[in-house]
C-alpha atoms as a PDB file:
ATOM      1  CA  MET A   1      10.964 -54.281 -12.938  1.00  0.00           C
ATOM      2  CA  ASN A   2      14.591 -53.137 -12.883  1.00  0.00           C
ATOM      3  CA  LYS A   3      15.002 -54.193 -16.504  1.00  0.00           C
ATOM      4  CA  PHE A   4      12.018 -52.020 -17.536  1.00  0.00           C
ATOM      5  CA  ILE A   5      13.458 -48.981 -15.765  1.00  0.00           C
ATOM      6  CA  TYR A   6      16.806 -49.414 -17.536  1.00  0.00           C
ATOM      7  CA  LYS A   7      15.076 -49.751 -20.910  1.00  0.00           C
ATOM      8  CA  LEU A   8      13.015 -46.636 -20.213  1.00  0.00           C
ATOM      9  CA  ALA A   9      16.126 -44.690 -19.164  1.00  0.00           C
ATOM     10  CA  ASP A  10      17.907 -45.881 -22.315  1.00  0.00           C
ATOM     11  CA  PHE A  11      14.937 -44.789 -24.462  1.00  0.00           C
ATOM     12  CA  MET A  12      14.847 -41.323 -22.858  1.00  0.00           C
ATOM     13  CA  GLN A  13      18.585 -40.804 -23.393  1.00  0.00           C
ATOM     14  CA  GLY A  14      19.053 -37.693 -25.547  1.00  0.00           C
ATOM     15  CA  ARG A  15      15.392 -36.668 -25.374  1.00  0.00           C
ATOM     16  CA  TYR A  16      14.165 -33.332 -24.022  1.00  0.00           C
ATOM     17  CA  GLY A  17      11.923 -34.386 -21.130  1.00  0.00           C
ATOM     18  CA  ILE A  18       9.718 -32.284 -18.852  1.00  0.00           C
ATOM     19  CA  ASP A  19      10.027 -28.516 -18.344  1.00  0.00           C
ATOM     20  CA  GLU A  20       7.900 -25.542 -17.208  1.00  0.00           C
ATOM     21  CA  LEU A  21       5.972 -25.324 -20.486  1.00  0.00           C
ATOM     22  CA  TYR A  22       5.095 -29.024 -20.213  1.00  0.00           C
ATOM     23  CA  LYS A  23       3.808 -28.493 -16.656  1.00  0.00           C
ATOM     24  CA  PHE A  24       1.679 -25.541 -17.808  1.00  0.00           C
ATOM     25  CA  LEU A  25       0.278 -27.545 -20.732  1.00  0.00           C
ATOM     26  CA  PHE A  26      -0.428 -30.447 -18.379  1.00  0.00           C
ATOM     27  CA  ILE A  27      -2.548 -28.191 -16.141  1.00  0.00           C
ATOM     28  CA  ILE A  28      -4.358 -26.741 -19.172  1.00  0.00           C
ATOM     29  CA  PHE A  29      -4.931 -30.278 -20.472  1.00  0.00           C
ATOM     30  CA  TRP A  30      -6.666 -31.339 -17.246  1.00  0.00           C
ATOM     31  CA  ILE A  31      -8.757 -28.166 -17.090  1.00  0.00           C
ATOM     32  CA  ILE A  32      -9.941 -28.777 -20.649  1.00  0.00           C
ATOM     33  CA  ALA A  33     -10.513 -32.471 -19.854  1.00  0.00           C
ATOM     34  CA  ILE A  34     -12.822 -31.514 -16.978  1.00  0.00           C
ATOM     35  CA  ILE A  35     -14.602 -28.988 -19.176  1.00  0.00           C
ATOM     36  CA  SER A  36     -15.044 -31.604 -21.911  1.00  0.00           C
ATOM     37  CA  ILE A  37     -16.697 -33.946 -19.405  1.00  0.00           C
ATOM     38  CA  VAL A  38     -19.231 -31.255 -18.530  1.00  0.00           C
ATOM     39  CA  ILE A  39     -19.646 -29.819 -22.026  1.00  0.00           C
ATOM     40  CA  ARG A  40     -19.638 -32.537 -24.646  1.00  0.00           C
ATOM     41  CA  ASN A  41     -18.277 -30.634 -27.621  1.00  0.00           C
ATOM     42  CA  PRO A  42     -16.083 -32.214 -30.332  1.00  0.00           C
ATOM     43  CA  ILE A  43     -14.017 -29.015 -30.676  1.00  0.00           C
ATOM     44  CA  ILE A  44     -13.097 -29.073 -26.984  1.00  0.00           C
ATOM     45  CA  TYR A  45     -12.256 -32.764 -27.251  1.00  0.00           C
ATOM     46  CA  LEU A  46     -10.071 -32.080 -30.305  1.00  0.00           C
ATOM     47  CA  LEU A  47      -8.273 -29.291 -28.444  1.00  0.00           C
ATOM     48  CA  GLU A  48      -7.635 -31.686 -25.562  1.00  0.00           C
ATOM     49  CA  ILE A  49      -6.113 -34.262 -27.916  1.00  0.00           C
ATOM     50  CA  LEU A  50      -3.963 -31.647 -29.686  1.00  0.00           C
ATOM     51  CA  ILE A  51      -2.538 -30.407 -26.387  1.00  0.00           C
ATOM     52  CA  CYS A  52      -1.778 -33.985 -25.339  1.00  0.00           C
ATOM     53  CA  VAL A  53      -0.038 -34.744 -28.644  1.00  0.00           C
ATOM     54  CA  TYR A  54       2.014 -31.534 -28.413  1.00  0.00           C
ATOM     55  CA  MET A  55       3.028 -32.386 -24.842  1.00  0.00           C
ATOM     56  CA  MET A  56       4.210 -35.841 -25.874  1.00  0.00           C
ATOM     57  CA  PHE A  57       6.006 -34.421 -28.921  1.00  0.00           C
ATOM     58  CA  ARG A  58       7.930 -32.002 -26.684  1.00  0.00           C
ATOM     59  CA  VAL A  59       8.837 -34.674 -24.112  1.00  0.00           C
ATOM     60  CA  PHE A  60      10.134 -37.168 -26.669  1.00  0.00           C
ATOM     61  CA  SER A  61      11.793 -34.632 -28.963  1.00  0.00           C
ATOM     62  CA  ARG A  62      15.511 -34.951 -29.662  1.00  0.00           C
ATOM     63  CA  ASN A  63      15.801 -31.335 -30.795  1.00  0.00           C
ATOM     64  CA  ILE A  64      16.731 -30.036 -27.363  1.00  0.00           C
ATOM     65  CA  TYR A  65      17.820 -26.596 -28.609  1.00  0.00           C
ATOM     66  CA  LYS A  66      14.376 -25.776 -30.088  1.00  0.00           C
ATOM     67  CA  ARG A  67      12.531 -27.069 -27.016  1.00  0.00           C
ATOM     68  CA  GLN A  68      14.746 -24.936 -24.752  1.00  0.00           C
ATOM     69  CA  ASN A  69      13.980 -21.873 -26.883  1.00  0.00           C
ATOM     70  CA  GLU A  70      10.234 -22.601 -26.676  1.00  0.00           C
ATOM     71  CA  ASN A  71      10.500 -22.934 -22.902  1.00  0.00           C
ATOM     72  CA  ALA A  72      12.528 -19.703 -22.650  1.00  0.00           C
ATOM     73  CA  LYS A  73       9.852 -17.792 -24.608  1.00  0.00           C
ATOM     74  CA  PHE A  74       7.157 -19.264 -22.372  1.00  0.00           C
ATOM     75  CA  LEU A  75       9.072 -18.294 -19.211  1.00  0.00           C
ATOM     76  CA  LYS A  76       9.542 -14.756 -20.526  1.00  0.00           C
ATOM     77  CA  ILE A  77       5.785 -14.373 -21.061  1.00  0.00           C
ATOM     78  CA  LYS A  78       5.019 -16.046 -17.721  1.00  0.00           C
ATOM     79  CA  ASN A  79       7.363 -13.694 -15.856  1.00  0.00           C
ATOM     80  CA  LYS A  80       5.766 -10.631 -17.486  1.00  0.00           C
ATOM     81  CA  VAL A  81       2.320 -11.812 -16.388  1.00  0.00           C
ATOM     82  CA  ILE A  82       3.547 -12.534 -12.849  1.00  0.00           C
ATOM     83  CA  GLU A  83       5.166  -9.081 -12.619  1.00  0.00           C
ATOM     84  CA  LYS A  84       1.931  -7.403 -13.720  1.00  0.00           C
ATOM     85  CA  ILE A  85      -0.033  -9.355 -11.103  1.00  0.00           C
ATOM     86  CA  LYS A  86       2.489  -8.391  -8.401  1.00  0.00           C
ATOM     87  CA  LEU A  87       2.249  -4.738  -9.443  1.00  0.00           C
ATOM     88  CA  ARG A  88      -1.555  -4.861  -9.230  1.00  0.00           C
ATOM     89  CA  LYS A  89      -1.307  -6.344  -5.721  1.00  0.00           C
ATOM     90  CA  LYS A  90       1.135  -3.618  -4.658  1.00  0.00           C
ATOM     91  CA  LYS A  91      -1.099  -0.918  -6.102  1.00  0.00           C
ATOM     92  CA  TRP A  92      -4.033  -2.287  -4.154  1.00  0.00           C
ATOM     93  CA  ALA A  93      -2.055  -2.687  -0.906  1.00  0.00           C
ATOM     94  CA  TYR A  94      -0.655   0.873  -1.003  1.00  0.00           C
ATOM     95  CA  ARG A  95      -3.690   2.594  -2.535  1.00  0.00           C
ATOM     96  CA  LYS A  96      -4.261   4.825   0.528  1.00  0.00           C
ATOM     97  CA  THR A  97      -0.700   6.072   0.984  1.00  0.00           C
ATOM     98  CA  HIS A  98       0.886   5.996  -2.473  1.00  0.00           C
ATOM     99  CA  ILE A  99       0.130   6.605  -6.141  1.00  0.00           C
ATOM    100  CA  TYR A 100       1.724   4.958  -9.168  1.00  0.00           C
ATOM    101  CA  ARG A 101       2.718   6.962 -12.235  1.00  0.00           C
ATOM    102  CA  LYS A 102       4.495   6.031 -15.451  1.00  0.00           C
ATOM    103  CA  CYS A 103       7.587   7.918 -16.478  1.00  0.00           C
ATOM    104  CA  PRO A 104       6.789   9.655 -19.800  1.00  0.00           C
ATOM    105  CA  ASN A 105      10.319   8.977 -21.039  1.00  0.00           C
ATOM    106  CA  CYS A 106      11.077   5.302 -20.207  1.00  0.00           C
ATOM    107  CA  LYS A 107       7.554   4.115 -19.216  1.00  0.00           C
ATOM    108  CA  ALA A 108       8.759   2.788 -15.836  1.00  0.00           C
ATOM    109  CA  GLU A 109       6.064   2.462 -13.165  1.00  0.00           C
ATOM    110  CA  ILE A 110       7.058   4.609 -10.159  1.00  0.00           C
ATOM    111  CA  ARG A 111       5.526   4.548  -6.683  1.00  0.00           C
ATOM    112  CA  LEU A 112       5.141   8.027  -5.197  1.00  0.00           C
ATOM    113  CA  PRO A 113       3.781   9.215  -1.857  1.00  0.00           C
ATOM    114  CA  LYS A 114       0.263  10.605  -2.053  1.00  0.00           C
ATOM    115  CA  LYS A 115       0.588  14.398  -1.666  1.00  0.00           C
ATOM    116  CA  LYS A 116      -1.918  16.963  -2.851  1.00  0.00           C
ATOM    117  CA  GLY A 117      -0.879  19.428  -5.529  1.00  0.00           C
ATOM    118  CA  LYS A 118       1.735  19.570  -8.275  1.00  0.00           C
ATOM    119  CA  HIS A 119       5.160  17.982  -7.720  1.00  0.00           C
ATOM    120  CA  VAL A 120       8.295  17.285  -9.712  1.00  0.00           C
ATOM    121  CA  CYS A 121       9.506  13.683  -9.707  1.00  0.00           C
ATOM    122  CA  THR A 122      12.817  12.226 -10.903  1.00  0.00           C
ATOM    123  CA  CYS A 123      12.655   8.814 -12.532  1.00  0.00           C
ATOM    124  CA  PRO A 124      15.104   6.408 -10.846  1.00  0.00           C
ATOM    125  CA  ARG A 125      15.674   4.521 -14.096  1.00  0.00           C
ATOM    126  CA  CYS A 126      16.302   7.269 -16.683  1.00  0.00           C
ATOM    127  CA  LYS A 127      16.959  10.218 -14.285  1.00  0.00           C
ATOM    128  CA  LYS A 128      14.542  12.537 -16.122  1.00  0.00           C
ATOM    129  CA  ASP A 129      12.258  14.960 -14.274  1.00  0.00           C
ATOM    130  CA  PHE A 130       8.505  15.074 -14.874  1.00  0.00           C
ATOM    131  CA  ASP A 131       5.490  16.726 -13.249  1.00  0.00           C
ATOM    132  CA  VAL A 132       3.017  14.822 -11.096  1.00  0.00           C
ATOM    133  CA  ILE A 133      -0.405  16.218 -10.257  1.00  0.00           C
ATOM    134  CA  VAL A 134      -2.437  14.565  -7.508  1.00  0.00           C
END
């Protein structure tokens, strides 16, 4: 058994391995696999195989620089989605006491106390003033 582990470690030397994109694809693969069990469709089955082949290609690839760039792009998209979800949760949690407005200049989302009437707000990011009507 020890000999097999050394051979496997020697084979994986210089290869990319597992990262966040692989983990995401692995979850998607299993979701599609479960769907393909329920819905017997050749297109779904083909998609499942393509995802599996792409996962294996990424793990065994020796072009580490390209795989790192792919993972970085994935993480950038993932972080944007997570930030939007967090913002939605905050908006829901503070819906009775605060309002959220976008700065017309830099498009930053700003949380403001809920006050009736017209107010002037200064954006903390770009320092520009804009009117807020509640």
